[in-house]
PDB file of N, CA and C in Angstrom:
ATOM      1  N   MET A   1     -34.818  21.329  11.569  1.00  0.00           N
ATOM      2  CA  MET A   1     -35.127  22.724  11.370  1.00  0.00           C
ATOM      3  C   MET A   1     -36.606  22.923  11.007  1.00  0.00           C
ATOM      4  N   GLU A   2     -37.165  21.955  10.276  1.00  0.00           N
ATOM      5  CA  GLU A   2     -38.577  22.036   9.891  1.00  0.00           C
ATOM      6  C   GLU A   2     -39.492  21.956  11.118  1.00  0.00           C
ATOM      7  N   ALA A   3     -39.100  21.191  12.122  1.00  0.00           N
ATOM      8  CA  ALA A   3     -39.913  21.070  13.338  1.00  0.00           C
ATOM      9  C   ALA A   3     -39.957  22.398  14.084  1.00  0.00           C
ATOM     10  N   ILE A   4     -38.852  23.105  14.093  1.00  0.00           N
ATOM     11  CA  ILE A   4     -38.817  24.410  14.762  1.00  0.00           C
ATOM     12  C   ILE A   4     -39.717  25.395  14.021  1.00  0.00           C
ATOM     13  N   ARG A   5     -39.679  25.356  12.694  1.00  0.00           N
ATOM     14  CA  ARG A   5     -40.506  26.257  11.896  1.00  0.00           C
ATOM     15  C   ARG A   5     -41.994  25.966  12.126  1.00  0.00           C
ATOM     16  N   ARG A   6     -42.370  24.683  12.150  1.00  0.00           N
ATOM     17  CA  ARG A   6     -43.774  24.332  12.405  1.00  0.00           C
ATOM     18  C   ARG A   6     -44.193  24.738  13.815  1.00  0.00           C
ATOM     19  N   GLY A   7     -43.291  24.549  14.768  1.00  0.00           N
ATOM     20  CA  GLY A   7     -43.588  24.962  16.143  1.00  0.00           C
ATOM     21  C   GLY A   7     -43.770  26.470  16.252  1.00  0.00           C
ATOM     22  N   TRP A   8     -42.941  27.208  15.526  1.00  0.00           N
ATOM     23  CA  TRP A   8     -43.039  28.671  15.545  1.00  0.00           C
ATOM     24  C   TRP A   8     -44.351  29.138  14.900  1.00  0.00           C
ATOM     25  N   GLN A   9     -44.737  28.538  13.787  1.00  0.00           N
ATOM     26  CA  GLN A   9     -45.995  28.882  13.128  1.00  0.00           C
ATOM     27  C   GLN A   9     -47.188  28.555  14.033  1.00  0.00           C
ATOM     28  N   SER A  10     -47.104  27.424  14.712  1.00  0.00           N
ATOM     29  CA  SER A  10     -48.170  27.038  15.638  1.00  0.00           C
ATOM     30  C   SER A  10     -48.259  28.033  16.791  1.00  0.00           C
ATOM     31  N   TRP A  11     -47.108  28.449  17.314  1.00  0.00           N
ATOM     32  CA  TRP A  11     -47.084  29.414  18.403  1.00  0.00           C
ATOM     33  C   TRP A  11     -47.673  30.753  17.947  1.00  0.00           C
ATOM     34  N   LYS A  12     -47.368  31.200  16.748  1.00  0.00           N
ATOM     35  CA  LYS A  12     -47.893  32.471  16.255  1.00  0.00           C
ATOM     36  C   LYS A  12     -49.415  32.426  16.129  1.00  0.00           C
ATOM     37  N   ARG A  13     -49.959  31.306  15.660  1.00  0.00           N
ATOM     38  CA  ARG A  13     -51.422  31.181  15.579  1.00  0.00           C
ATOM     39  C   ARG A  13     -52.047  31.202  16.975  1.00  0.00           C
ATOM     40  N   THR A  14     -51.421  30.474  17.904  1.00  0.00           N
ATOM     41  CA  THR A  14     -51.935  30.434  19.279  1.00  0.00           C
ATOM     42  C   THR A  14     -51.855  31.817  19.924  1.00  0.00           C
ATOM     43  N   ALA A  15     -50.733  32.497  19.735  1.00  0.00           N
ATOM     44  CA  ALA A  15     -50.563  33.829  20.322  1.00  0.00           C
ATOM     45  C   ALA A  15     -51.557  34.823  19.725  1.00  0.00           C
ATOM     46  N   GLN A  16     -51.811  34.724  18.434  1.00  0.00           N
ATOM     47  CA  GLN A  16     -52.792  35.604  17.786  1.00  0.00           C
ATOM     48  C   GLN A  16     -54.184  35.373  18.375  1.00  0.00           C
ATOM     49  N   PHE A  17     -54.555  34.126  18.547  1.00  0.00           N
ATOM     50  CA  PHE A  17     -55.856  33.796  19.125  1.00  0.00           C
ATOM     51  C   PHE A  17     -55.966  34.327  20.553  1.00  0.00           C
ATOM     52  N   LEU A  18     -54.936  34.080  21.367  1.00  0.00           N
ATOM     53  CA  LEU A  18     -54.965  34.553  22.755  1.00  0.00           C
ATOM     54  C   LEU A  18     -55.002  36.080  22.819  1.00  0.00           C
ATOM     55  N   GLY A  19     -54.227  36.725  21.963  1.00  0.00           N
ATOM     56  CA  GLY A  19     -54.226  38.186  21.943  1.00  0.00           C
ATOM     57  C   GLY A  19     -55.583  38.755  21.578  1.00  0.00           C
ATOM     58  N   ASP A  20     -56.243  38.134  20.610  1.00  0.00           N
ATOM     59  CA  ASP A  20     -57.582  38.587  20.234  1.00  0.00           C
ATOM     60  C   ASP A  20     -58.561  38.442  21.393  1.00  0.00           C
ATOM     61  N   GLN A  21     -58.521  37.316  22.066  1.00  0.00           N
ATOM     62  CA  GLN A  21     -59.457  37.081  23.171  1.00  0.00           C
ATOM     63  C   GLN A  21     -59.180  38.014  24.344  1.00  0.00           C
ATOM     64  N   ILE A  22     -57.913  38.177  24.702  1.00  0.00           N
ATOM     65  CA  ILE A  22     -57.565  39.062  25.821  1.00  0.00           C
ATOM     66  C   ILE A  22     -57.926  40.503  25.481  1.00  0.00           C
ATOM     67  N   GLY A  23     -57.708  40.904  24.233  1.00  0.00           N
ATOM     68  CA  GLY A  23     -58.080  42.254  23.813  1.00  0.00           C
ATOM     69  C   GLY A  23     -59.568  42.493  23.931  1.00  0.00           C
ATOM     70  N   ARG A  24     -60.367  41.530  23.514  1.00  0.00           N
ATOM     71  CA  ARG A  24     -61.822  41.679  23.631  1.00  0.00           C
ATOM     72  C   ARG A  24     -62.250  41.792  25.085  1.00  0.00           C
ATOM     73  N   ILE A  25     -61.678  40.959  25.921  1.00  0.00           N
ATOM     74  CA  ILE A  25     -62.028  40.999  27.346  1.00  0.00           C
ATOM     75  C   ILE A  25     -61.619  42.333  27.952  1.00  0.00           C
ATOM     76  N   PHE A  26     -60.398  42.779  27.673  1.00  0.00           N
ATOM     77  CA  PHE A  26     -59.906  44.036  28.228  1.00  0.00           C
ATOM     78  C   PHE A  26     -60.764  45.212  27.768  1.00  0.00           C
ATOM     79  N   LEU A  27     -61.070  45.275  26.481  1.00  0.00           N
ATOM     80  CA  LEU A  27     -61.870  46.390  25.981  1.00  0.00           C
ATOM     81  C   LEU A  27     -63.306  46.346  26.502  1.00  0.00           C
ATOM     82  N   SER A  28     -63.855  45.158  26.700  1.00  0.00           N
ATOM     83  CA  SER A  28     -65.197  45.053  27.272  1.00  0.00           C
ATOM     84  C   SER A  28     -65.215  45.548  28.710  1.00  0.00           C
ATOM     85  N   VAL A  29     -64.229  45.154  29.488  1.00  0.00           N
ATOM     86  CA  VAL A  29     -64.138  45.619  30.878  1.00  0.00           C
ATOM     87  C   VAL A  29     -63.949  47.128  30.907  1.00  0.00           C
ATOM     88  N   PHE A  30     -63.088  47.644  30.047  1.00  0.00           N
ATOM     89  CA  PHE A  30     -62.866  49.090  29.977  1.00  0.00           C
ATOM     90  C   PHE A  30     -64.164  49.822  29.652  1.00  0.00           C
ATOM     91  N   TYR A  31     -64.905  49.324  28.681  1.00  0.00           N
ATOM     92  CA  TYR A  31     -66.140  49.984  28.262  1.00  0.00           C
ATOM     93  C   TYR A  31     -67.167  50.009  29.387  1.00  0.00           C
ATOM     94  N   PHE A  32     -67.386  48.868  30.022  1.00  0.00           N
ATOM     95  CA  PHE A  32     -68.455  48.788  31.017  1.00  0.00           C
ATOM     96  C   PHE A  32     -68.079  49.395  32.363  1.00  0.00           C
ATOM     97  N   THR A  33     -66.797  49.585  32.656  1.00  0.00           N
ATOM     98  CA  THR A  33     -66.423  50.152  33.953  1.00  0.00           C
ATOM     99  C   THR A  33     -66.044  51.619  33.883  1.00  0.00           C
ATOM    100  N   LEU A  34     -65.538  52.082  32.762  1.00  0.00           N
ATOM    101  CA  LEU A  34     -65.093  53.471  32.688  1.00  0.00           C
ATOM    102  C   LEU A  34     -65.897  54.304  31.695  1.00  0.00           C
ATOM    103  N   PHE A  35     -66.009  53.850  30.493  1.00  0.00           N
ATOM    104  CA  PHE A  35     -66.590  54.667  29.436  1.00  0.00           C
ATOM    105  C   PHE A  35     -68.104  54.784  29.546  1.00  0.00           C
ATOM    106  N   MET A  36     -68.781  53.695  29.761  1.00  0.00           N
ATOM    107  CA  MET A  36     -70.238  53.719  29.780  1.00  0.00           C
ATOM    108  C   MET A  36     -70.803  54.576  30.922  1.00  0.00           C
ATOM    109  N   PRO A  37     -70.324  54.460  32.178  1.00  0.00           N
ATOM    110  CA  PRO A  37     -70.869  55.333  33.226  1.00  0.00           C
ATOM    111  C   PRO A  37     -70.632  56.821  32.936  1.00  0.00           C
ATOM    112  N   PHE A  38     -69.455  57.151  32.414  1.00  0.00           N
ATOM    113  CA  PHE A  38     -69.175  58.545  32.063  1.00  0.00           C
ATOM    114  C   PHE A  38     -70.129  59.024  30.975  1.00  0.00           C
ATOM    115  N   ALA A  39     -70.353  58.205  29.968  1.00  0.00           N
ATOM    116  CA  ALA A  39     -71.247  58.578  28.869  1.00  0.00           C
ATOM    117  C   ALA A  39     -72.680  58.757  29.362  1.00  0.00           C
ATOM    118  N   LEU A  40     -73.122  57.913  30.279  1.00  0.00           N
ATOM    119  CA  LEU A  40     -74.481  58.050  30.812  1.00  0.00           C
ATOM    120  C   LEU A  40     -74.638  59.339  31.607  1.00  0.00           C
ATOM    121  N   VAL A  41     -73.648  59.679  32.413  1.00  0.00           N
ATOM    122  CA  VAL A  41     -73.704  60.921  33.190  1.00  0.00           C
ATOM    123  C   VAL A  41     -73.751  62.121  32.251  1.00  0.00           C
ATOM    124  N   VAL A  42     -72.901  62.120  31.247  1.00  0.00           N
ATOM    125  CA  VAL A  42     -72.884  63.238  30.302  1.00  0.00           C
ATOM    126  C   VAL A  42     -74.201  63.329  29.548  1.00  0.00           C
ATOM    127  N   ARG A  43     -74.748  62.215  29.157  1.00  0.00           N
ATOM    128  CA  ARG A  43     -76.000  62.220  28.390  1.00  0.00           C
ATOM    129  C   ARG A  43     -77.143  62.820  29.208  1.00  0.00           C
ATOM    130  N   PHE A  44     -77.216  62.505  30.495  1.00  0.00           N
ATOM    131  CA  PHE A  44     -78.335  62.981  31.296  1.00  0.00           C
ATOM    132  C   PHE A  44     -78.145  64.403  31.814  1.00  0.00           C
ATOM    133  N   LEU A  45     -76.924  64.900  31.853  1.00  0.00           N
ATOM    134  CA  LEU A  45     -76.686  66.231  32.399  1.00  0.00           C
ATOM    135  C   LEU A  45     -76.523  67.320  31.346  1.00  0.00           C
ATOM    136  N   ARG A  46     -76.392  66.975  30.098  1.00  0.00           N
ATOM    137  CA  ARG A  46     -76.160  68.002  29.083  1.00  0.00           C
ATOM    138  C   ARG A  46     -77.482  68.572  28.575  1.00  0.00           C
ATOM    139  N   ASP A  47     -77.374  69.694  27.902  1.00  0.00           N
ATOM    140  CA  ASP A  47     -78.534  70.366  27.325  1.00  0.00           C
ATOM    141  C   ASP A  47     -78.187  70.729  25.879  1.00  0.00           C
ATOM    142  N   PRO A  48     -78.329  69.793  24.941  1.00  0.00           N
ATOM    143  CA  PRO A  48     -77.845  70.037  23.582  1.00  0.00           C
ATOM    144  C   PRO A  48     -78.605  71.127  22.829  1.00  0.00           C
ATOM    145  N   LEU A  49     -79.858  71.356  23.167  1.00  0.00           N
ATOM    146  CA  LEU A  49     -80.629  72.385  22.477  1.00  0.00           C
ATOM    147  C   LEU A  49     -80.607  73.723  23.210  1.00  0.00           C
ATOM    148  N   ALA A  50     -79.888  73.803  24.312  1.00  0.00           N
ATOM    149  CA  ALA A  50     -79.785  75.023  25.122  1.00  0.00           C
ATOM    150  C   ALA A  50     -81.174  75.531  25.502  1.00  0.00           C
ATOM    151  N   ILE A  51     -81.994  74.614  25.980  1.00  0.00           N
ATOM    152  CA  ILE A  51     -83.360  74.959  26.366  1.00  0.00           C
ATOM    153  C   ILE A  51     -83.372  75.742  27.678  1.00  0.00           C
ATOM    154  N   HIS A  52     -82.495  75.400  28.575  1.00  0.00           N
ATOM    155  CA  HIS A  52     -82.444  76.074  29.865  1.00  0.00           C
ATOM    156  C   HIS A  52     -81.743  77.423  29.707  1.00  0.00           C
ATOM    157  N   PRO A  53     -82.380  78.498  30.144  1.00  0.00           N
ATOM    158  CA  PRO A  53     -81.804  79.836  29.932  1.00  0.00           C
ATOM    159  C   PRO A  53     -80.625  80.150  30.847  1.00  0.00           C
ATOM    160  N   SER A  54     -80.262  79.267  31.723  1.00  0.00           N
ATOM    161  CA  SER A  54     -79.187  79.561  32.667  1.00  0.00           C
ATOM    162  C   SER A  54     -77.803  79.505  32.029  1.00  0.00           C
ATOM    163  N   HIS A  55     -77.739  79.056  30.788  1.00  0.00           N
ATOM    164  CA  HIS A  55     -76.442  78.968  30.137  1.00  0.00           C
ATOM    165  C   HIS A  55     -75.966  80.348  29.692  1.00  0.00           C
ATOM    166  N   HIS A  56     -74.738  80.652  30.032  1.00  0.00           N
ATOM    167  CA  HIS A  56     -74.132  81.909  29.615  1.00  0.00           C
ATOM    168  C   HIS A  56     -73.468  81.704  28.262  1.00  0.00           C
ATOM    169  N   THR A  57     -73.683  82.608  27.361  1.00  0.00           N
ATOM    170  CA  THR A  57     -73.100  82.480  26.033  1.00  0.00           C
ATOM    171  C   THR A  57     -71.907  83.420  25.886  1.00  0.00           C
ATOM    172  N   GLU A  58     -70.998  83.063  25.042  1.00  0.00           N
ATOM    173  CA  GLU A  58     -69.816  83.880  24.787  1.00  0.00           C
ATOM    174  C   GLU A  58     -69.969  84.733  23.529  1.00  0.00           C
ATOM    175  N   TRP A  59     -71.142  84.699  22.943  1.00  0.00           N
ATOM    176  CA  TRP A  59     -71.363  85.506  21.750  1.00  0.00           C
ATOM    177  C   TRP A  59     -71.425  86.980  22.141  1.00  0.00           C
ATOM    178  N   LEU A  60     -70.903  87.821  21.281  1.00  0.00           N
ATOM    179  CA  LEU A  60     -70.935  89.260  21.503  1.00  0.00           C
ATOM    180  C   LEU A  60     -71.975  89.878  20.576  1.00  0.00           C
ATOM    181  N   GLU A  61     -72.648  90.886  21.084  1.00  0.00           N
ATOM    182  CA  GLU A  61     -73.611  91.600  20.258  1.00  0.00           C
ATOM    183  C   GLU A  61     -72.862  92.392  19.195  1.00  0.00           C
ATOM    184  N   ARG A  62     -73.376  92.331  17.991  1.00  0.00           N
ATOM    185  CA  ARG A  62     -72.747  93.049  16.888  1.00  0.00           C
ATOM    186  C   ARG A  62     -73.118  94.520  16.974  1.00  0.00           C
ATOM    187  N   GLN A  63     -72.109  95.359  16.873  1.00  0.00           N
ATOM    188  CA  GLN A  63     -72.346  96.797  16.915  1.00  0.00           C
ATOM    189  C   GLN A  63     -72.348  97.317  15.482  1.00  0.00           C
ATOM    190  N   THR A  64     -73.471  97.769  15.049  1.00  0.00           N
ATOM    191  CA  THR A  64     -73.583  98.283  13.682  1.00  0.00           C
ATOM    192  C   THR A  64     -73.570  99.800  13.711  1.00  0.00           C
ATOM    193  N   HIS A  65     -73.096 100.349  12.642  1.00  0.00           N
ATOM    194  CA  HIS A  65     -73.136 101.800  12.494  1.00  0.00           C
ATOM    195  C   HIS A  65     -73.394 102.114  11.025  1.00  0.00           C
ATOM    196  N   ASP A  66     -73.917 103.289  10.786  1.00  0.00           N
ATOM    197  CA  ASP A  66     -74.237 103.684   9.412  1.00  0.00           C
ATOM    198  C   ASP A  66     -72.951 103.980   8.657  1.00  0.00           C
ATOM    199  N   LEU A  67     -72.848 103.417   7.478  1.00  0.00           N
ATOM    200  CA  LEU A  67     -71.676 103.639   6.648  1.00  0.00           C
ATOM    201  C   LEU A  67     -71.946 104.757   5.652  1.00  0.00           C
ATOM    202  N   THR A  68     -70.922 105.510   5.411  1.00  0.00           N
ATOM    203  CA  THR A  68     -71.021 106.579   4.422  1.00  0.00           C
ATOM    204  C   THR A  68     -70.367 106.114   3.134  1.00  0.00           C
ATOM    205  N   LEU A  69     -70.461 106.943   2.121  1.00  0.00           N
ATOM    206  CA  LEU A  69     -69.828 106.622   0.846  1.00  0.00           C
ATOM    207  C   LEU A  69     -68.314 106.559   1.005  1.00  0.00           C
ATOM    208  N   LYS A  70     -67.772 107.398   1.841  1.00  0.00           N
ATOM    209  CA  LYS A  70     -66.325 107.404   2.096  1.00  0.00           C
ATOM    210  C   LYS A  70     -65.900 106.085   2.761  1.00  0.00           C
ATOM    211  N   ASP A  71     -66.705 105.581   3.672  1.00  0.00           N
ATOM    212  CA  ASP A  71     -66.396 104.304   4.333  1.00  0.00           C
ATOM    213  C   ASP A  71     -66.447 103.138   3.355  1.00  0.00           C
ATOM    214  N   SER A  72     -67.350 103.185   2.400  1.00  0.00           N
ATOM    215  CA  SER A  72     -67.461 102.075   1.451  1.00  0.00           C
ATOM    216  C   SER A  72     -66.305 102.041   0.463  1.00  0.00           C
ATOM    217  N   ARG A  73     -65.661 103.157   0.223  1.00  0.00           N
ATOM    218  CA  ARG A  73     -64.484 103.167  -0.657  1.00  0.00           C
ATOM    219  C   ARG A  73     -63.271 102.564   0.042  1.00  0.00           C
ATOM    220  N   ARG A  74     -63.229 102.666   1.346  1.00  0.00           N
ATOM    221  CA  ARG A  74     -62.111 102.104   2.116  1.00  0.00           C
ATOM    222  C   ARG A  74     -62.572 100.747   2.651  1.00  0.00           C
ATOM    223  N   LEU A  75     -62.222  99.670   1.913  1.00  0.00           N
ATOM    224  CA  LEU A  75     -62.750  98.349   2.236  1.00  0.00           C
ATOM    225  C   LEU A  75     -62.126  97.748   3.491  1.00  0.00           C
ATOM    226  N   PHE A  76     -60.850  97.985   3.689  1.00  0.00           N
ATOM    227  CA  PHE A  76     -60.174  97.341   4.830  1.00  0.00           C
ATOM    228  C   PHE A  76     -59.586  98.356   5.758  1.00  0.00           C
TER     229      PHE A  76
END
């Protein structure tokens, strides 16, 4: 029974090592083939400071009106 336990512990260490290595390889391939090209395209095509005036904004102009004393008593 002790031999089976030692074999199982050895297998768990080996499987952990293989899983770590395969995970690193998989994530590296994922990063360099999918994520990095997308990030580069987004980085070069965006305008974070909104320097180009062609961007349409969704902000609405605030409409102000003069308030009277009666309006100030009615808060909501």
